[in-house]
Amino acid sequence: MELKVIEESESLSYVALKGRLDLEGVMGIETKFLQHTTSRKQPTLVDMSEVEFMASLGIRMLLSCAKSLHSHQAKLVLLNPQPLVASVLDSMGLDDILLVTNDEAEARKLLQR
């Protein structure tokens, strides 16, 4: 699993994930992910376009981040999940916590609401 920081500003954290969000993937990036997202307490955009698989641990990591950001009046938006990952997110019924879109402009608007 890889994490790439795309943007870190005073108003946004934007990271991209690549690989599998399974046990090994989460264990490999969770600390770095939380450092660049939750700990910054800023609206956060996560590009999921190169995440090919997501297990329950990956969902837990994203939920934990979203809930922590929410407590600081910030949001988490997932961008461009692949069909398999999108179907996992849909089946979990987490759309009230994890916002998902396939359009970056829309994602940025969702973060400002």
Protein backbone atom coordinates (compact mmCIF):
# COMPACT_ATOMS: atom_id res chain seq x y z
CA MET A 1 0.00 0.00 0.00
CA GLU A 2 1.25 3.45 -0.88
CA LEU A 3 0.21 6.90 0.29
CA LYS A 4 1.01 10.02 -1.72
CA VAL A 5 0.43 13.52 -0.37
CA ILE A 6 -1.05 15.66 -3.15
CA GLU A 7 -1.80 18.83 -1.18
CA GLU A 8 -1.45 20.04 2.38
CA SER A 9 -2.64 23.56 2.94
CA GLU A 10 -4.29 25.49 5.75
CA SER A 11 -7.69 24.52 4.34
CA LEU A 12 -7.19 21.04 2.84
CA SER A 13 -5.49 17.68 3.21
CA TYR A 14 -5.44 15.75 -0.07
CA VAL A 15 -3.88 12.30 -0.27
CA ALA A 16 -3.97 9.43 -2.75
CA LEU A 17 -3.93 5.77 -1.82
CA LYS A 18 -2.65 2.96 -4.04
CA GLY A 19 -2.86 -0.78 -3.45
CA ARG A 20 -4.94 -2.96 -1.17
CA LEU A 21 -6.55 -1.74 2.05
CA ASP A 22 -6.33 -5.14 3.68
CA LEU A 23 -4.55 -6.09 6.92
CA GLU A 24 -1.06 -5.68 5.46
CA GLY A 25 -1.95 -2.48 3.58
CA VAL A 26 -3.58 -0.78 6.56
CA MET A 27 -0.75 -1.77 8.88
CA GLY A 28 1.72 -0.31 6.39
CA ILE A 29 0.14 3.14 6.01
CA GLU A 30 -2.28 3.80 8.88
CA THR A 31 0.09 5.92 10.98
CA LYS A 32 1.18 7.98 7.98
CA PHE A 33 -2.43 8.27 6.78
CA LEU A 34 -3.61 9.59 10.15
CA GLN A 35 -0.66 11.98 10.32
CA HIS A 36 -1.62 13.56 6.98
CA THR A 37 -5.39 13.54 7.59
CA THR A 38 -6.85 13.29 11.09
CA SER A 39 -4.07 15.03 12.95
CA ARG A 40 -4.27 18.06 10.61
CA LYS A 41 -7.97 18.60 11.49
CA GLN A 42 -8.64 19.98 7.98
CA PRO A 43 -11.20 18.97 5.34
CA THR A 44 -9.72 15.87 3.71
CA LEU A 45 -9.91 14.48 0.19
CA VAL A 46 -8.75 10.89 -0.36
CA ASP A 47 -8.19 9.73 -3.93
CA MET A 48 -9.21 6.06 -3.98
CA SER A 49 -8.83 5.52 -7.75
CA GLU A 50 -5.91 3.13 -7.31
CA VAL A 51 -7.26 1.16 -4.34
CA GLU A 52 -8.09 -2.22 -5.80
CA PHE A 53 -9.46 -3.92 -2.67
CA MET A 54 -10.75 -2.81 0.72
CA ALA A 55 -11.29 -5.08 3.72
CA SER A 56 -13.03 -4.23 6.98
CA LEU A 57 -9.80 -2.81 8.44
CA GLY A 58 -9.63 -0.31 5.59
CA ILE A 59 -13.21 0.72 6.24
CA ARG A 60 -12.42 1.08 9.95
CA MET A 61 -9.43 3.33 9.18
CA LEU A 62 -11.53 5.59 6.94
CA LEU A 63 -14.44 5.69 9.42
CA SER A 64 -12.13 6.54 12.29
CA CYS A 65 -10.66 9.38 10.25
CA ALA A 66 -14.09 10.68 9.19
CA LYS A 67 -15.42 10.63 12.75
CA SER A 68 -12.35 12.37 14.14
CA LEU A 69 -12.51 15.05 11.45
CA HIS A 70 -16.24 15.50 12.09
CA SER A 71 -15.50 16.25 15.75
CA HIS A 72 -13.38 19.17 14.46
CA GLN A 73 -16.10 20.36 12.03
CA ALA A 74 -14.19 18.97 9.04
CA LYS A 75 -15.24 16.40 6.45
CA LEU A 76 -13.69 13.46 4.64
CA VAL A 77 -14.55 12.84 0.98
CA LEU A 78 -13.48 9.76 -0.97
CA LEU A 79 -12.75 10.40 -4.64
CA ASN A 80 -13.03 7.94 -7.55
CA PRO A 81 -13.29 4.56 -5.84
CA GLN A 82 -12.97 1.61 -8.22
CA PRO A 83 -16.21 -0.36 -8.75
CA LEU A 84 -15.31 -3.12 -6.26
CA VAL A 85 -14.42 -0.61 -3.55
CA ALA A 86 -17.50 1.53 -4.34
CA SER A 87 -19.74 -1.52 -4.01
CA VAL A 88 -18.23 -2.33 -0.60
CA LEU A 89 -18.88 1.24 0.54
CA ASP A 90 -22.45 1.15 -0.84
CA SER A 91 -23.22 -2.17 0.84
CA MET A 92 -22.06 -0.84 4.21
CA GLY A 93 -24.58 2.03 4.13
CA LEU A 94 -22.04 4.55 5.35
CA ASP A 95 -22.96 7.39 2.98
CA ASP A 96 -23.95 9.62 5.90
CA ILE A 97 -20.38 9.38 7.26
CA LEU A 98 -18.20 8.64 4.22
CA LEU A 99 -18.96 11.00 1.34
CA VAL A 100 -18.08 9.54 -2.06
CA THR A 101 -17.88 11.18 -5.49
CA ASN A 102 -16.22 10.64 -8.86
CA ASP A 103 -15.71 14.35 -9.56
CA GLU A 104 -12.93 16.36 -7.91
CA ALA A 105 -14.75 19.69 -8.24
CA GLU A 106 -17.81 18.19 -6.53
CA ALA A 107 -15.57 16.69 -3.85
CA ARG A 108 -14.09 20.09 -3.08
CA LYS A 109 -17.60 21.59 -2.85
CA LEU A 110 -18.70 18.81 -0.46
CA LEU A 111 -15.75 19.59 1.78
CA GLN A 112 -16.82 23.24 2.11
CA ARG A 113 -20.41 22.57 3.18
